[in-house]
PDB file of N, CA and C in Angstrom:
ATOM      1  N   MET A   1     -49.382  65.049 -14.521  1.00  0.00           N
ATOM      2  CA  MET A   1     -49.663  65.900 -13.486  1.00  0.00           C
ATOM      3  C   MET A   1     -48.482  65.904 -11.854  1.00  0.00           C
ATOM      4  N   THR A   2     -48.185  66.860 -11.511  1.00  0.00           N
ATOM      5  CA  THR A   2     -47.215  67.011  -9.962  1.00  0.00           C
ATOM      6  C   THR A   2     -47.463  66.065  -9.287  1.00  0.00           C
ATOM      7  N   LYS A   3     -47.762  64.986  -8.323  1.00  0.00           N
ATOM      8  CA  LYS A   3     -47.568  65.093  -6.954  1.00  0.00           C
ATOM      9  C   LYS A   3     -47.047  65.821  -5.683  1.00  0.00           C
ATOM     10  N   TYR A   4     -48.268  65.751  -4.790  1.00  0.00           N
ATOM     11  CA  TYR A   4     -47.448  67.528  -3.574  1.00  0.00           C
ATOM     12  C   TYR A   4     -47.860  66.585  -2.186  1.00  0.00           C
ATOM     13  N   VAL A   5     -46.739  65.927  -1.437  1.00  0.00           N
ATOM     14  CA  VAL A   5     -46.754  65.624  -0.454  1.00  0.00           C
ATOM     15  C   VAL A   5     -46.863  66.068   0.726  1.00  0.00           C
ATOM     16  N   CYS A   6     -47.994  66.144   1.974  1.00  0.00           N
ATOM     17  CA  CYS A   6     -47.513  66.068   3.210  1.00  0.00           C
ATOM     18  C   CYS A   6     -46.605  66.979   4.239  1.00  0.00           C
ATOM     19  N   ILE A   7     -45.829  67.743   4.206  1.00  0.00           N
ATOM     20  CA  ILE A   7     -44.730  67.296   5.057  1.00  0.00           C
ATOM     21  C   ILE A   7     -45.288  66.956   6.441  1.00  0.00           C
ATOM     22  N   VAL A   8     -46.174  67.027   7.305  1.00  0.00           N
ATOM     23  CA  VAL A   8     -46.683  66.039   8.280  1.00  0.00           C
ATOM     24  C   VAL A   8     -46.596  64.953   8.750  1.00  0.00           C
ATOM     25  N   CYS A   9     -47.085  64.461   7.359  1.00  0.00           N
ATOM     26  CA  CYS A   9     -47.817  62.945   7.614  1.00  0.00           C
ATOM     27  C   CYS A   9     -47.162  62.334   6.486  1.00  0.00           C
ATOM     28  N   GLY A  10     -46.993  62.708   5.174  1.00  0.00           N
ATOM     29  CA  GLY A  10     -46.307  62.273   4.515  1.00  0.00           C
ATOM     30  C   GLY A  10     -47.293  61.480   3.367  1.00  0.00           C
ATOM     31  N   TYR A  11     -48.543  62.131   3.414  1.00  0.00           N
ATOM     32  CA  TYR A  11     -49.354  61.836   2.804  1.00  0.00           C
ATOM     33  C   TYR A  11     -49.182  62.068   1.291  1.00  0.00           C
ATOM     34  N   ILE A  12     -49.420  61.602   0.278  1.00  0.00           N
ATOM     35  CA  ILE A  12     -49.135  61.841  -1.499  1.00  0.00           C
ATOM     36  C   ILE A  12     -50.818  62.266  -1.728  1.00  0.00           C
ATOM     37  N   TYR A  13     -50.484  63.800  -2.620  1.00  0.00           N
ATOM     38  CA  TYR A  13     -51.489  64.424  -3.093  1.00  0.00           C
ATOM     39  C   TYR A  13     -51.438  63.591  -4.566  1.00  0.00           C
ATOM     40  N   ASP A  14     -52.785  62.587  -5.118  1.00  0.00           N
ATOM     41  CA  ASP A  14     -52.050  62.161  -6.799  1.00  0.00           C
ATOM     42  C   ASP A  14     -53.559  62.815  -8.004  1.00  0.00           C
ATOM     43  N   PRO A  15     -52.953  63.828  -8.001  1.00  0.00           N
ATOM     44  CA  PRO A  15     -53.457  64.396  -9.097  1.00  0.00           C
ATOM     45  C   PRO A  15     -54.801  63.470 -10.020  1.00  0.00           C
ATOM     46  N   GLU A  16     -53.822  62.330 -10.430  1.00  0.00           N
ATOM     47  CA  GLU A  16     -55.128  61.872 -11.259  1.00  0.00           C
ATOM     48  C   GLU A  16     -55.612  60.743 -10.498  1.00  0.00           C
ATOM     49  N   VAL A  17     -55.496  60.129  -9.411  1.00  0.00           N
ATOM     50  CA  VAL A  17     -56.269  60.207  -8.426  1.00  0.00           C
ATOM     51  C   VAL A  17     -57.500  61.010  -7.885  1.00  0.00           C
ATOM     52  N   GLY A  18     -57.073  61.549  -7.351  1.00  0.00           N
ATOM     53  CA  GLY A  18     -57.542  62.575  -6.633  1.00  0.00           C
ATOM     54  C   GLY A  18     -58.341  62.425  -4.832  1.00  0.00           C
ATOM     55  N   ASP A  19     -58.880  63.014  -4.468  1.00  0.00           N
ATOM     56  CA  ASP A  19     -59.643  62.057  -2.939  1.00  0.00           C
ATOM     57  C   ASP A  19     -60.962  62.793  -3.024  1.00  0.00           C
ATOM     58  N   ALA A  20     -61.974  61.748  -3.313  1.00  0.00           N
ATOM     59  CA  ALA A  20     -63.154  60.805  -3.891  1.00  0.00           C
ATOM     60  C   ALA A  20     -63.895  61.195  -2.725  1.00  0.00           C
ATOM     61  N   ASP A  21     -63.449  60.997  -1.340  1.00  0.00           N
ATOM     62  CA  ASP A  21     -63.988  61.683   0.115  1.00  0.00           C
ATOM     63  C   ASP A  21     -63.958  62.966   0.816  1.00  0.00           C
ATOM     64  N   SER A  22     -63.191  63.760  -0.429  1.00  0.00           N
ATOM     65  CA  SER A  22     -63.370  64.949  -0.414  1.00  0.00           C
ATOM     66  C   SER A  22     -64.082  65.682  -1.173  1.00  0.00           C
ATOM     67  N   GLY A  23     -64.685  64.663  -2.661  1.00  0.00           N
ATOM     68  CA  GLY A  23     -65.016  65.519  -3.514  1.00  0.00           C
ATOM     69  C   GLY A  23     -64.362  66.007  -4.693  1.00  0.00           C
ATOM     70  N   ILE A  24     -62.751  66.064  -4.633  1.00  0.00           N
ATOM     71  CA  ILE A  24     -61.849  65.903  -4.850  1.00  0.00           C
ATOM     72  C   ILE A  24     -61.926  65.108  -7.066  1.00  0.00           C
ATOM     73  N   LYS A  25     -61.961  65.099  -7.749  1.00  0.00           N
ATOM     74  CA  LYS A  25     -62.926  64.607  -9.019  1.00  0.00           C
ATOM     75  C   LYS A  25     -61.165  64.035  -9.486  1.00  0.00           C
ATOM     76  N   PRO A  26     -60.618  62.594  -9.912  1.00  0.00           N
ATOM     77  CA  PRO A  26     -59.659  62.119 -10.445  1.00  0.00           C
ATOM     78  C   PRO A  26     -59.619  63.791 -11.577  1.00  0.00           C
ATOM     79  N   GLY A  27     -58.512  63.805 -12.474  1.00  0.00           N
ATOM     80  CA  GLY A  27     -57.885  64.466 -12.922  1.00  0.00           C
ATOM     81  C   GLY A  27     -57.881  65.859 -12.122  1.00  0.00           C
ATOM     82  N   THR A  28     -57.735  66.582 -11.357  1.00  0.00           N
ATOM     83  CA  THR A  28     -57.903  67.626 -10.300  1.00  0.00           C
ATOM     84  C   THR A  28     -56.511  68.344  -9.831  1.00  0.00           C
ATOM     85  N   ALA A  29     -55.449  69.081 -10.572  1.00  0.00           N
ATOM     86  CA  ALA A  29     -54.202  69.441 -10.654  1.00  0.00           C
ATOM     87  C   ALA A  29     -54.171  70.132  -8.998  1.00  0.00           C
ATOM     88  N   PHE A  30     -53.332  70.383  -8.815  1.00  0.00           N
ATOM     89  CA  PHE A  30     -53.028  70.721  -6.899  1.00  0.00           C
ATOM     90  C   PHE A  30     -53.511  71.905  -6.642  1.00  0.00           C
ATOM     91  N   GLU A  31     -53.555  72.858  -7.454  1.00  0.00           N
ATOM     92  CA  GLU A  31     -53.454  74.410  -7.612  1.00  0.00           C
ATOM     93  C   GLU A  31     -54.842  74.482  -8.048  1.00  0.00           C
ATOM     94  N   ASP A  32     -55.960  73.617  -8.555  1.00  0.00           N
ATOM     95  CA  ASP A  32     -57.118  73.836  -8.864  1.00  0.00           C
ATOM     96  C   ASP A  32     -58.591  73.060  -7.432  1.00  0.00           C
ATOM     97  N   ILE A  33     -58.106  72.846  -6.557  1.00  0.00           N
ATOM     98  CA  ILE A  33     -58.392  71.999  -5.138  1.00  0.00           C
ATOM     99  C   ILE A  33     -58.758  73.583  -4.838  1.00  0.00           C
ATOM    100  N   PRO A  34     -59.772  73.416  -3.428  1.00  0.00           N
ATOM    101  CA  PRO A  34     -60.069  74.776  -3.419  1.00  0.00           C
ATOM    102  C   PRO A  34     -58.845  74.948  -1.970  1.00  0.00           C
ATOM    103  N   ASP A  35     -58.915  76.437  -1.445  1.00  0.00           N
ATOM    104  CA  ASP A  35     -58.754  76.769  -0.588  1.00  0.00           C
ATOM    105  C   ASP A  35     -58.571  76.337   1.103  1.00  0.00           C
ATOM    106  N   ASP A  36     -59.077  75.718   1.315  1.00  0.00           N
ATOM    107  CA  ASP A  36     -60.411  74.919   1.997  1.00  0.00           C
ATOM    108  C   ASP A  36     -59.740  73.351   2.151  1.00  0.00           C
ATOM    109  N   TRP A  37     -59.176  72.836   1.047  1.00  0.00           N
ATOM    110  CA  TRP A  37     -59.344  71.470   1.818  1.00  0.00           C
ATOM    111  C   TRP A  37     -58.842  70.679   3.049  1.00  0.00           C
ATOM    112  N   VAL A  38     -58.554  70.391   3.081  1.00  0.00           N
ATOM    113  CA  VAL A  38     -57.061  69.741   3.945  1.00  0.00           C
ATOM    114  C   VAL A  38     -56.904  68.000   3.500  1.00  0.00           C
ATOM    115  N   CYS A  39     -55.763  68.051   4.443  1.00  0.00           N
ATOM    116  CA  CYS A  39     -55.043  66.545   3.980  1.00  0.00           C
ATOM    117  C   CYS A  39     -56.228  65.624   4.226  1.00  0.00           C
ATOM    118  N   PRO A  40     -56.331  64.835   4.217  1.00  0.00           N
ATOM    119  CA  PRO A  40     -57.174  63.622   5.463  1.00  0.00           C
ATOM    120  C   PRO A  40     -56.629  62.464   5.579  1.00  0.00           C
ATOM    121  N   MET A  41     -55.578  62.842   5.709  1.00  0.00           N
ATOM    122  CA  MET A  41     -54.392  61.475   6.519  1.00  0.00           C
ATOM    123  C   MET A  41     -54.595  62.777   7.919  1.00  0.00           C
ATOM    124  N   CYS A  42     -54.215  63.528   8.081  1.00  0.00           N
ATOM    125  CA  CYS A  42     -54.405  64.386   8.817  1.00  0.00           C
ATOM    126  C   CYS A  42     -54.725  65.970   9.534  1.00  0.00           C
ATOM    127  N   GLY A  43     -55.536  66.212   8.809  1.00  0.00           N
ATOM    128  CA  GLY A  43     -56.025  68.146   8.481  1.00  0.00           C
ATOM    129  C   GLY A  43     -55.422  69.093   7.667  1.00  0.00           C
ATOM    130  N   VAL A  44     -54.509  69.028   8.146  1.00  0.00           N
ATOM    131  CA  VAL A  44     -53.417  69.999   7.904  1.00  0.00           C
ATOM    132  C   VAL A  44     -54.252  70.555   6.686  1.00  0.00           C
ATOM    133  N   GLY A  45     -53.514  72.236   6.280  1.00  0.00           N
ATOM    134  CA  GLY A  45     -53.750  72.688   5.391  1.00  0.00           C
ATOM    135  C   GLY A  45     -53.334  72.099   3.307  1.00  0.00           C
ATOM    136  N   LYS A  46     -53.558  72.961   3.312  1.00  0.00           N
ATOM    137  CA  LYS A  46     -53.029  72.990   1.724  1.00  0.00           C
ATOM    138  C   LYS A  46     -51.303  73.363   1.850  1.00  0.00           C
ATOM    139  N   ASP A  47     -51.317  73.973   2.562  1.00  0.00           N
ATOM    140  CA  ASP A  47     -49.543  75.041   3.184  1.00  0.00           C
ATOM    141  C   ASP A  47     -48.853  74.197   3.235  1.00  0.00           C
ATOM    142  N   GLN A  48     -48.748  73.023   3.829  1.00  0.00           N
ATOM    143  CA  GLN A  48     -48.017  71.802   4.177  1.00  0.00           C
ATOM    144  C   GLN A  48     -47.873  71.472   3.253  1.00  0.00           C
ATOM    145  N   PHE A  49     -48.598  71.431   2.374  1.00  0.00           N
ATOM    146  CA  PHE A  49     -47.864  70.490   1.087  1.00  0.00           C
ATOM    147  C   PHE A  49     -46.811  70.890   0.643  1.00  0.00           C
ATOM    148  N   GLU A  50     -45.883  69.820  -0.457  1.00  0.00           N
ATOM    149  CA  GLU A  50     -45.210  70.705  -1.377  1.00  0.00           C
ATOM    150  C   GLU A  50     -44.715  69.681  -2.598  1.00  0.00           C
ATOM    151  N   LYS A  51     -44.219  70.208  -3.399  1.00  0.00           N
ATOM    152  CA  LYS A  51     -44.166  69.727  -4.910  1.00  0.00           C
ATOM    153  C   LYS A  51     -43.117  68.013  -4.020  1.00  0.00           C
ATOM    154  N   GLU A  52     -43.125  66.782  -4.997  1.00  0.00           N
ATOM    155  CA  GLU A  52     -42.965  66.004  -4.770  1.00  0.00           C
ATOM    156  C   GLU A  52     -41.880  65.757  -5.356  1.00  0.00           C
TER     157      GLU A  52
END
């Protein structure tokens, strides 16, 4: 699975890990995360992420 990096703060979304604090289970592809999800580090939207 492809990792995505926040272009604002550098946070890396790893699909194998997910984002437990936001209810995103491990194994969830970035494309399958709800559109209203935000970066857990800086709060920007999914549109501020790029493939690593």
